[in-house]
C-alpha atoms as a PDB file:
ATOM      1  CA  MET A   1      -4.839 -31.930  14.431  1.00  0.00           C
ATOM      2  CA  HIS A   2      -3.501 -28.400  13.830  1.00  0.00           C
ATOM      3  CA  SER A   3       0.065 -27.806  12.929  1.00  0.00           C
ATOM      4  CA  ARG A   4       2.284 -25.684  15.305  1.00  0.00           C
ATOM      5  CA  ALA A   5       2.260 -22.870  12.644  1.00  0.00           C
ATOM      6  CA  GLN A   6      -1.511 -22.839  12.606  1.00  0.00           C
ATOM      7  CA  ILE A   7      -1.715 -22.688  16.322  1.00  0.00           C
ATOM      8  CA  ARG A   8       0.924 -20.016  16.473  1.00  0.00           C
ATOM      9  CA  THR A   9      -1.002 -17.928  13.776  1.00  0.00           C
ATOM     10  CA  ALA A  10      -4.224 -18.438  15.808  1.00  0.00           C
ATOM     11  CA  MET A  11      -2.503 -17.148  18.988  1.00  0.00           C
ATOM     12  CA  VAL A  12      -1.251 -14.015  17.182  1.00  0.00           C
ATOM     13  CA  LEU A  13      -4.631 -13.214  15.823  1.00  0.00           C
ATOM     14  CA  LEU A  14      -6.166 -13.615  19.329  1.00  0.00           C
ATOM     15  CA  MET A  15      -3.575 -11.419  20.761  1.00  0.00           C
ATOM     16  CA  ILE A  16      -4.350  -8.639  18.123  1.00  0.00           C
ATOM     17  CA  SER A  17      -8.104  -8.982  18.724  1.00  0.00           C
ATOM     18  CA  ILE A  18      -7.620  -8.513  22.485  1.00  0.00           C
ATOM     19  CA  CYS A  19      -5.269  -5.489  22.081  1.00  0.00           C
ATOM     20  CA  ALA A  20      -7.394  -3.691  19.473  1.00  0.00           C
ATOM     21  CA  PRO A  21     -10.306  -2.439  21.722  1.00  0.00           C
ATOM     22  CA  ARG A  22      -7.969  -1.138  24.355  1.00  0.00           C
ATOM     23  CA  ALA A  23      -5.792   0.651  21.695  1.00  0.00           C
ATOM     24  CA  LEU A  24      -8.982   2.282  20.165  1.00  0.00           C
ATOM     25  CA  ALA A  25     -10.052   3.456  23.647  1.00  0.00           C
ATOM     26  CA  GLN A  26      -6.620   5.245  24.121  1.00  0.00           C
ATOM     27  CA  SER A  27      -7.014   6.965  20.813  1.00  0.00           C
ATOM     28  CA  PRO A  28     -10.616   8.527  20.631  1.00  0.00           C
ATOM     29  CA  ASP A  29      -9.412  11.218  18.181  1.00  0.00           C
ATOM     30  CA  MET A  30      -8.622   8.477  15.594  1.00  0.00           C
ATOM     31  CA  ALA A  31     -11.494   8.429  13.337  1.00  0.00           C
ATOM     32  CA  PRO A  32     -12.007   7.778   9.572  1.00  0.00           C
ATOM     33  CA  TYR A  33     -11.512  10.970   7.586  1.00  0.00           C
ATOM     34  CA  VAL A  34     -11.289  12.190   3.961  1.00  0.00           C
ATOM     35  CA  GLU A  35      -8.133  13.998   2.697  1.00  0.00           C
ATOM     36  CA  ARG A  36      -8.199  16.462  -0.179  1.00  0.00           C
ATOM     37  CA  ILE A  37      -5.279  17.608  -2.279  1.00  0.00           C
ATOM     38  CA  GLU A  38      -5.145  21.360  -2.491  1.00  0.00           C
ATOM     39  CA  GLY A  39      -5.321  22.637  -5.974  1.00  0.00           C
ATOM     40  CA  SER A  40      -7.086  19.480  -7.365  1.00  0.00           C
ATOM     41  CA  LEU A  41     -10.292  17.790  -7.170  1.00  0.00           C
ATOM     42  CA  VAL A  42      -8.814  14.537  -5.856  1.00  0.00           C
ATOM     43  CA  SER A  43      -9.369  13.123  -2.435  1.00  0.00           C
ATOM     44  CA  PHE A  44      -8.687   9.806  -0.577  1.00  0.00           C
ATOM     45  CA  GLU A  45     -10.140   8.179   2.602  1.00  0.00           C
ATOM     46  CA  MET A  46      -8.045   7.174   5.632  1.00  0.00           C
ATOM     47  CA  MET A  47      -9.159   4.448   8.191  1.00  0.00           C
ATOM     48  CA  PRO A  48      -7.700   4.099  11.758  1.00  0.00           C
ATOM     49  CA  VAL A  49      -5.719   1.121  12.856  1.00  0.00           C
ATOM     50  CA  PRO A  50      -5.427   0.351  16.453  1.00  0.00           C
ATOM     51  CA  ALA A  51      -2.076  -0.451  18.150  1.00  0.00           C
ATOM     52  CA  GLY A  52      -1.200  -4.061  18.796  1.00  0.00           C
ATOM     53  CA  THR A  53       1.427  -6.938  18.518  1.00  0.00           C
ATOM     54  CA  VAL A  54       2.211  -8.816  15.355  1.00  0.00           C
ATOM     55  CA  GLN A  55       4.593 -11.452  14.491  1.00  0.00           C
ATOM     56  CA  VAL A  56       6.138 -11.092  11.181  1.00  0.00           C
ATOM     57  CA  ALA A  57       8.112 -13.655   9.057  1.00  0.00           C
ATOM     58  CA  THR A  58      11.326 -12.124   7.860  1.00  0.00           C
ATOM     59  CA  PRO A  59      14.318 -13.593   5.937  1.00  0.00           C
ATOM     60  CA  ALA A  60      16.043 -13.641   9.290  1.00  0.00           C
ATOM     61  CA  GLY A  61      13.278 -15.613  11.130  1.00  0.00           C
ATOM     62  CA  PRO A  62      10.115 -14.562  12.807  1.00  0.00           C
ATOM     63  CA  ARG A  63       9.959 -11.208  14.731  1.00  0.00           C
ATOM     64  CA  THR A  64       7.371  -9.954  17.259  1.00  0.00           C
ATOM     65  CA  VAL A  65       6.736  -6.205  16.853  1.00  0.00           C
ATOM     66  CA  GLU A  66       4.771  -3.686  18.845  1.00  0.00           C
ATOM     67  CA  VAL A  67       2.949  -1.439  16.415  1.00  0.00           C
ATOM     68  CA  GLY A  68       1.507   1.804  17.406  1.00  0.00           C
ATOM     69  CA  PRO A  69      -1.958   3.245  16.174  1.00  0.00           C
ATOM     70  CA  PHE A  70      -1.864   4.745  12.767  1.00  0.00           C
ATOM     71  CA  TRP A  71      -4.167   5.555   9.856  1.00  0.00           C
ATOM     72  CA  VAL A  72      -4.109   3.478   6.629  1.00  0.00           C
ATOM     73  CA  ALA A  73      -5.461   4.475   3.159  1.00  0.00           C
ATOM     74  CA  LYS A  74      -8.730   2.866   2.537  1.00  0.00           C
ATOM     75  CA  THR A  75      -7.607   1.934  -0.953  1.00  0.00           C
ATOM     76  CA  GLU A  76      -4.462   1.721  -3.078  1.00  0.00           C
ATOM     77  CA  VAL A  77      -3.138   4.974  -4.433  1.00  0.00           C
ATOM     78  CA  THR A  78      -5.085   5.575  -7.760  1.00  0.00           C
ATOM     79  CA  TRP A  79      -3.840   6.949 -11.006  1.00  0.00           C
ATOM     80  CA  ASP A  80      -6.152   9.949 -10.359  1.00  0.00           C
ATOM     81  CA  LEU A  81      -4.141  10.817  -7.466  1.00  0.00           C
ATOM     82  CA  TYR A  82      -0.637   9.848  -8.638  1.00  0.00           C
ATOM     83  CA  ASP A  83      -1.181  11.768 -11.903  1.00  0.00           C
ATOM     84  CA  VAL A  84      -1.425  14.968  -9.978  1.00  0.00           C
ATOM     85  CA  PHE A  85       1.975  14.288  -8.565  1.00  0.00           C
ATOM     86  CA  VAL A  86       3.537  13.062 -11.842  1.00  0.00           C
ATOM     87  CA  TYR A  87       1.999  15.696 -14.138  1.00  0.00           C
ATOM     88  CA  GLY A  88       1.855  18.675 -11.680  1.00  0.00           C
ATOM     89  CA  LEU A  89      -1.820  19.015 -12.023  1.00  0.00           C
ATOM     90  CA  ASP A  90      -2.019  20.909  -8.730  1.00  0.00           C
ATOM     91  CA  LYS A  91       0.153  23.723 -10.120  1.00  0.00           C
ATOM     92  CA  THR A  92      -1.496  27.135 -10.822  1.00  0.00           C
ATOM     93  CA  SER A  93      -0.399  30.079 -12.963  1.00  0.00           C
ATOM     94  CA  GLU A  94       0.018  32.090  -9.939  1.00  0.00           C
ATOM     95  CA  PRO A  95       3.285  31.951  -8.099  1.00  0.00           C
ATOM     96  CA  ALA A  96       3.437  29.745  -5.108  1.00  0.00           C
ATOM     97  CA  SER A  97       3.982  31.351  -1.609  1.00  0.00           C
ATOM     98  CA  ASP A  98       6.416  28.560  -0.623  1.00  0.00           C
ATOM     99  CA  ALA A  99       8.041  25.587  -2.481  1.00  0.00           C
ATOM    100  CA  ASP A 100       7.066  21.962  -1.371  1.00  0.00           C
ATOM    101  CA  ALA A 101      10.695  21.039  -1.955  1.00  0.00           C
ATOM    102  CA  VAL A 102       9.686  17.710  -3.378  1.00  0.00           C
ATOM    103  CA  SER A 103      11.039  16.554  -6.761  1.00  0.00           C
ATOM    104  CA  ARG A 104       8.614  14.895  -9.202  1.00  0.00           C
ATOM    105  CA  PRO A 105       8.980  11.966 -11.553  1.00  0.00           C
ATOM    106  CA  THR A 106      10.125  12.145 -15.069  1.00  0.00           C
ATOM    107  CA  LYS A 107       7.350  11.362 -17.521  1.00  0.00           C
ATOM    108  CA  PRO A 108       7.461   7.705 -18.434  1.00  0.00           C
ATOM    109  CA  TYR A 109       8.169   6.697 -21.956  1.00  0.00           C
ATOM    110  CA  VAL A 110       5.469   4.201 -21.650  1.00  0.00           C
ATOM    111  CA  LEU A 111       3.081   4.129 -18.680  1.00  0.00           C
ATOM    112  CA  PRO A 112       3.317   0.827 -16.812  1.00  0.00           C
ATOM    113  CA  GLY A 113       0.095  -1.081 -17.074  1.00  0.00           C
ATOM    114  CA  GLU A 114      -1.545   1.373 -19.425  1.00  0.00           C
ATOM    115  CA  GLN A 115      -3.391  -1.670 -20.934  1.00  0.00           C
ATOM    116  CA  PHE A 116      -5.444  -1.978 -17.764  1.00  0.00           C
ATOM    117  CA  GLY A 117      -6.963   1.269 -17.737  1.00  0.00           C
ATOM    118  CA  HIS A 118      -6.472   4.498 -15.803  1.00  0.00           C
ATOM    119  CA  ALA A 119      -9.345   6.323 -14.040  1.00  0.00           C
ATOM    120  CA  GLY A 120     -10.101   4.682 -10.696  1.00  0.00           C
ATOM    121  CA  MET A 121      -7.360   2.128 -11.171  1.00  0.00           C
ATOM    122  CA  PRO A 122      -4.385   1.534  -8.824  1.00  0.00           C
ATOM    123  CA  ALA A 123      -1.272   3.451  -9.780  1.00  0.00           C
ATOM    124  CA  LEU A 124       1.567   0.970 -10.548  1.00  0.00           C
ATOM    125  CA  GLY A 125       5.133   0.487 -11.611  1.00  0.00           C
ATOM    126  CA  MET A 126       6.625   3.244  -9.427  1.00  0.00           C
ATOM    127  CA  THR A 127      10.012   2.676  -7.858  1.00  0.00           C
ATOM    128  CA  PHE A 128      10.596   2.589  -4.121  1.00  0.00           C
ATOM    129  CA  HIS A 129      12.208   5.908  -4.456  1.00  0.00           C
ATOM    130  CA  ALA A 130       9.162   7.285  -6.217  1.00  0.00           C
ATOM    131  CA  ALA A 131       6.820   5.967  -3.446  1.00  0.00           C
ATOM    132  CA  HIS A 132       8.750   7.797  -0.736  1.00  0.00           C
ATOM    133  CA  ALA A 133       8.839  10.945  -2.798  1.00  0.00           C
ATOM    134  CA  PHE A 134       5.117  10.688  -3.462  1.00  0.00           C
ATOM    135  CA  ALA A 135       4.399  10.441   0.247  1.00  0.00           C
ATOM    136  CA  ARG A 136       6.498  13.473   0.876  1.00  0.00           C
ATOM    137  CA  TRP A 137       4.682  15.402  -1.800  1.00  0.00           C
ATOM    138  CA  VAL A 138       1.265  14.310  -0.274  1.00  0.00           C
ATOM    139  CA  SER A 139       2.525  15.611   3.105  1.00  0.00           C
ATOM    140  CA  ALA A 140       3.506  18.878   1.654  1.00  0.00           C
ATOM    141  CA  ARG A 141       0.205  19.401  -0.164  1.00  0.00           C
ATOM    142  CA  THR A 142      -1.826  18.423   2.918  1.00  0.00           C
ATOM    143  CA  GLY A 143       0.070  19.591   5.987  1.00  0.00           C
ATOM    144  CA  HIS A 144      -0.242  15.939   7.458  1.00  0.00           C
ATOM    145  CA  SER A 145       2.671  13.494   7.607  1.00  0.00           C
ATOM    146  CA  TYR A 146       2.034  10.699   5.229  1.00  0.00           C
ATOM    147  CA  ARG A 147       4.631   7.866   4.454  1.00  0.00           C
ATOM    148  CA  VAL A 148       5.236   4.456   3.116  1.00  0.00           C
ATOM    149  CA  PRO A 149       4.127   1.853   5.749  1.00  0.00           C
ATOM    150  CA  THR A 150       6.575  -0.423   7.506  1.00  0.00           C
ATOM    151  CA  GLU A 151       6.300  -4.196   6.889  1.00  0.00           C
ATOM    152  CA  ALA A 152       5.133  -4.620  10.537  1.00  0.00           C
ATOM    153  CA  GLU A 153       2.430  -1.832  10.251  1.00  0.00           C
ATOM    154  CA  TRP A 154       1.193  -3.258   6.905  1.00  0.00           C
ATOM    155  CA  GLU A 155       0.988  -6.789   8.127  1.00  0.00           C
ATOM    156  CA  HIS A 156      -0.610  -5.759  11.465  1.00  0.00           C
ATOM    157  CA  ALA A 157      -3.379  -4.041   9.423  1.00  0.00           C
ATOM    158  CA  CYS A 158      -3.588  -7.003   7.051  1.00  0.00           C
ATOM    159  CA  ARG A 159      -4.244  -9.349   9.964  1.00  0.00           C
ATOM    160  CA  LEU A 160      -6.725  -7.169  11.570  1.00  0.00           C
ATOM    161  CA  GLY A 161      -8.721  -7.152   8.499  1.00  0.00           C
ATOM    162  CA  ARG A 162      -9.193 -10.917   8.947  1.00  0.00           C
ATOM    163  CA  THR A 163      -9.260 -11.951   5.229  1.00  0.00           C
ATOM    164  CA  ASP A 164      -8.893 -15.762   5.657  1.00  0.00           C
ATOM    165  CA  PRO A 165      -9.066 -18.075   2.666  1.00  0.00           C
ATOM    166  CA  SER A 166     -12.843 -18.654   2.980  1.00  0.00           C
ATOM    167  CA  VAL A 167     -13.434 -14.889   1.867  1.00  0.00           C
ATOM    168  CA  LEU A 168     -10.326 -14.477  -0.305  1.00  0.00           C
ATOM    169  CA  ASP A 169     -12.214 -14.440  -3.569  1.00  0.00           C
ATOM    170  CA  ALA A 170     -14.581 -11.620  -2.427  1.00  0.00           C
ATOM    171  CA  ARG A 171     -11.760  -9.471  -0.966  1.00  0.00           C
ATOM    172  CA  ALA A 172      -8.748 -10.047  -3.272  1.00  0.00           C
ATOM    173  CA  TRP A 173      -8.052 -10.035  -7.061  1.00  0.00           C
ATOM    174  CA  HIS A 174      -5.771 -12.789  -7.752  1.00  0.00           C
ATOM    175  CA  ALA A 175      -4.859 -15.150 -10.732  1.00  0.00           C
ATOM    176  CA  LYS A 176      -8.179 -17.063 -10.483  1.00  0.00           C
ATOM    177  CA  ASN A 177     -10.637 -14.129 -10.525  1.00  0.00           C
ATOM    178  CA  ALA A 178      -8.685 -11.196 -11.798  1.00  0.00           C
ATOM    179  CA  GLY A 179      -8.595 -12.030 -15.475  1.00  0.00           C
ATOM    180  CA  ASP A 180      -4.953 -11.190 -15.668  1.00  0.00           C
ATOM    181  CA  ARG A 181      -5.311  -7.498 -15.003  1.00  0.00           C
ATOM    182  CA  THR A 182      -5.927  -4.997 -12.107  1.00  0.00           C
ATOM    183  CA  HIS A 183      -9.357  -3.760 -11.240  1.00  0.00           C
ATOM    184  CA  PRO A 184     -10.757  -0.508  -9.972  1.00  0.00           C
ATOM    185  CA  VAL A 185      -9.907   0.178  -6.208  1.00  0.00           C
ATOM    186  CA  GLY A 186     -12.690  -0.451  -3.860  1.00  0.00           C
ATOM    187  CA  THR A 187     -14.598  -2.830  -6.028  1.00  0.00           C
ATOM    188  CA  SER A 188     -13.629  -5.866  -3.807  1.00  0.00           C
ATOM    189  CA  GLU A 189     -15.331  -6.482  -0.588  1.00  0.00           C
ATOM    190  CA  ALA A 190     -13.983  -4.327   2.380  1.00  0.00           C
ATOM    191  CA  ASP A 191     -12.254  -6.108   5.223  1.00  0.00           C
ATOM    192  CA  ALA A 192     -12.792  -5.947   8.889  1.00  0.00           C
ATOM    193  CA  LEU A 193     -11.119  -2.493   8.958  1.00  0.00           C
ATOM    194  CA  ASN A 194     -13.205  -1.278   6.010  1.00  0.00           C
ATOM    195  CA  VAL A 195     -10.177  -1.317   3.923  1.00  0.00           C
ATOM    196  CA  HIS A 196     -10.094  -2.609   0.402  1.00  0.00           C
ATOM    197  CA  ASP A 197      -7.453  -4.488  -1.663  1.00  0.00           C
ATOM    198  CA  LEU A 198      -4.815  -4.977   1.062  1.00  0.00           C
ATOM    199  CA  LEU A 199      -4.456  -8.382  -0.660  1.00  0.00           C
ATOM    200  CA  GLY A 200      -4.218  -8.860  -4.300  1.00  0.00           C
ATOM    201  CA  ASN A 201      -4.727  -6.312  -7.179  1.00  0.00           C
ATOM    202  CA  VAL A 202      -1.377  -4.807  -6.813  1.00  0.00           C
ATOM    203  CA  ALA A 203       1.281  -5.802  -4.252  1.00  0.00           C
ATOM    204  CA  GLU A 204       2.142  -2.754  -2.104  1.00  0.00           C
ATOM    205  CA  TRP A 205       5.562  -1.076  -1.215  1.00  0.00           C
ATOM    206  CA  VAL A 206       6.589  -1.230   2.424  1.00  0.00           C
ATOM    207  CA  VAL A 207       9.821  -0.470   4.287  1.00  0.00           C
ATOM    208  CA  GLY A 208      11.356  -3.943   5.224  1.00  0.00           C
ATOM    209  CA  PHE A 209      13.028  -4.627   8.537  1.00  0.00           C
ATOM    210  CA  ASP A 210      16.356  -3.722   7.102  1.00  0.00           C
ATOM    211  CA  ALA A 211      15.021  -0.540   5.328  1.00  0.00           C
ATOM    212  CA  ASP A 212      14.969  -2.734   2.158  1.00  0.00           C
ATOM    213  CA  SER A 213      12.373  -2.359  -0.598  1.00  0.00           C
ATOM    214  CA  VAL A 214       9.687  -5.062  -0.245  1.00  0.00           C
ATOM    215  CA  VAL A 215       6.241  -5.386  -1.659  1.00  0.00           C
ATOM    216  CA  LYS A 216       3.532  -7.321   0.378  1.00  0.00           C
ATOM    217  CA  GLY A 217       0.280  -9.119  -0.204  1.00  0.00           C
ATOM    218  CA  GLY A 218       0.540 -10.452  -3.545  1.00  0.00           C
ATOM    219  CA  ALA A 219      -0.997  -9.262  -6.873  1.00  0.00           C
ATOM    220  CA  PHE A 220      -3.591  -9.979  -9.475  1.00  0.00           C
ATOM    221  CA  GLU A 221      -1.286 -12.409 -11.145  1.00  0.00           C
ATOM    222  CA  ASP A 222      -0.436 -14.496  -8.114  1.00  0.00           C
ATOM    223  CA  ALA A 223      -2.220 -17.761  -7.391  1.00  0.00           C
ATOM    224  CA  PRO A 224      -4.545 -17.656  -4.278  1.00  0.00           C
ATOM    225  CA  ASP A 225      -1.993 -19.663  -2.345  1.00  0.00           C
ATOM    226  CA  ASP A 226       0.382 -16.897  -2.753  1.00  0.00           C
ATOM    227  CA  ILE A 227      -1.843 -14.084  -1.527  1.00  0.00           C
ATOM    228  CA  GLY A 228      -1.637 -13.322   2.084  1.00  0.00           C
ATOM    229  CA  CYS A 229      -0.474 -11.139   4.787  1.00  0.00           C
ATOM    230  CA  SER A 230       3.009 -12.883   4.954  1.00  0.00           C
ATOM    231  CA  ALA A 231       3.384 -12.718   1.109  1.00  0.00           C
ATOM    232  CA  ARG A 232       6.511 -10.625   0.308  1.00  0.00           C
ATOM    233  CA  ARG A 233       8.819 -10.025  -2.597  1.00  0.00           C
ATOM    234  CA  SER A 234      12.041  -8.122  -2.886  1.00  0.00           C
ATOM    235  CA  GLN A 235      12.988  -6.092  -5.913  1.00  0.00           C
ATOM    236  CA  THR A 236      15.081  -7.730  -8.686  1.00  0.00           C
ATOM    237  CA  PRO A 237      16.942  -6.272 -11.780  1.00  0.00           C
ATOM    238  CA  ALA A 238      14.031  -8.069 -13.851  1.00  0.00           C
ATOM    239  CA  TRP A 239      11.452  -5.317 -12.645  1.00  0.00           C
ATOM    240  CA  ASN A 240      13.539  -2.711 -14.741  1.00  0.00           C
ATOM    241  CA  ALA A 241      15.084  -4.872 -17.483  1.00  0.00           C
ATOM    242  CA  THR A 242      13.330  -3.168 -20.450  1.00  0.00           C
ATOM    243  CA  ASP A 243      14.014   0.500 -19.418  1.00  0.00           C
ATOM    244  CA  PRO A 244      16.108   1.894 -22.324  1.00  0.00           C
ATOM    245  CA  GLN A 245      17.699   4.557 -20.385  1.00  0.00           C
ATOM    246  CA  LEU A 246      21.228   4.664 -18.870  1.00  0.00           C
ATOM    247  CA  PRO A 247      21.294   4.828 -15.964  1.00  0.00           C
ATOM    248  CA  LYS A 248      17.830   3.106 -15.367  1.00  0.00           C
ATOM    249  CA  SER A 249      15.027   5.403 -14.234  1.00  0.00           C
ATOM    250  CA  ARG A 250      14.861   6.300 -10.521  1.00  0.00           C
ATOM    251  CA  TRP A 251      11.030   6.788 -10.878  1.00  0.00           C
ATOM    252  CA  TRP A 252       9.519   3.868 -13.019  1.00  0.00           C
ATOM    253  CA  LEU A 253       9.688  -0.018 -13.147  1.00  0.00           C
ATOM    254  CA  PRO A 254       8.191  -0.763 -16.553  1.00  0.00           C
ATOM    255  CA  ASP A 255       8.357  -4.510 -16.008  1.00  0.00           C
ATOM    256  CA  ALA A 256       6.607  -4.431 -12.624  1.00  0.00           C
ATOM    257  CA  PRO A 257       2.916  -3.793 -13.428  1.00  0.00           C
ATOM    258  CA  PHE A 258       2.173  -5.892 -10.393  1.00  0.00           C
ATOM    259  CA  LEU A 259       3.169  -3.246  -7.714  1.00  0.00           C
ATOM    260  CA  GLY A 260       1.697  -0.233  -6.141  1.00  0.00           C
ATOM    261  CA  LEU A 261       1.325   1.903  -3.052  1.00  0.00           C
ATOM    262  CA  ARG A 262      -0.749   2.624  -0.042  1.00  0.00           C
ATOM    263  CA  LEU A 263      -0.206   5.459   2.315  1.00  0.00           C
ATOM    264  CA  VAL A 264      -0.219   5.444   6.113  1.00  0.00           C
ATOM    265  CA  ARG A 265      -0.191   8.533   8.633  1.00  0.00           C
ATOM    266  CA  ASP A 266       0.925   8.689  12.249  1.00  0.00           C
ATOM    267  CA  PRO A 267      -1.504  10.160  14.816  1.00  0.00           C
END
């Protein structure tokens, strides 16, 4: 016997699988690509996500949402990329022809999660404000419109990835296999969209249904039962409790080394 919740979930997944081929056929120009940041040696990959319908659990109850096609980053944003934003590593000695008009973070007193390593690791501990500023900066540097995903978009991509409990250990870093730390991006098995680490490693910022700051998917410190497409957490004051600044930093959450960021782009 299956519960009503299990049956409802199966129906949603079936609906998505039916919609996906039709959406891809309508968007022949949407193919995987590599984006490079001008003035640096850093690049990242983007993967297409077809349109579809997804049912998302929200604090106000379940909502059914139509999601258009978009691209999603193959991996979480790495420190290699985020460092260019934070430390201005894309700047040259020659005067710029135009300004990107995007402010950059203050340098952190202590880099969140520095004990986990740096090169190839997921950037973490940035605020919701910083996540949006970073997306604007990437857009200015590339000429493409990048942003923080909505909760519906993120969950739609997650469900299309088909990471069920039987493959969770291979596709997600969680409390039972992560060793209480983050891991280099792309080292877990890719999902059905050829995307890595949507679940686990670091939870990822999304724009909630009421434009609130939410992180999705669960992180390396969460139990396997708390990892999933519906897993969500809202920011609390505890995430910034030890910041000595008054007022608290707009850019860093020193007590939240479990959250990071993934970019999306509209067609």
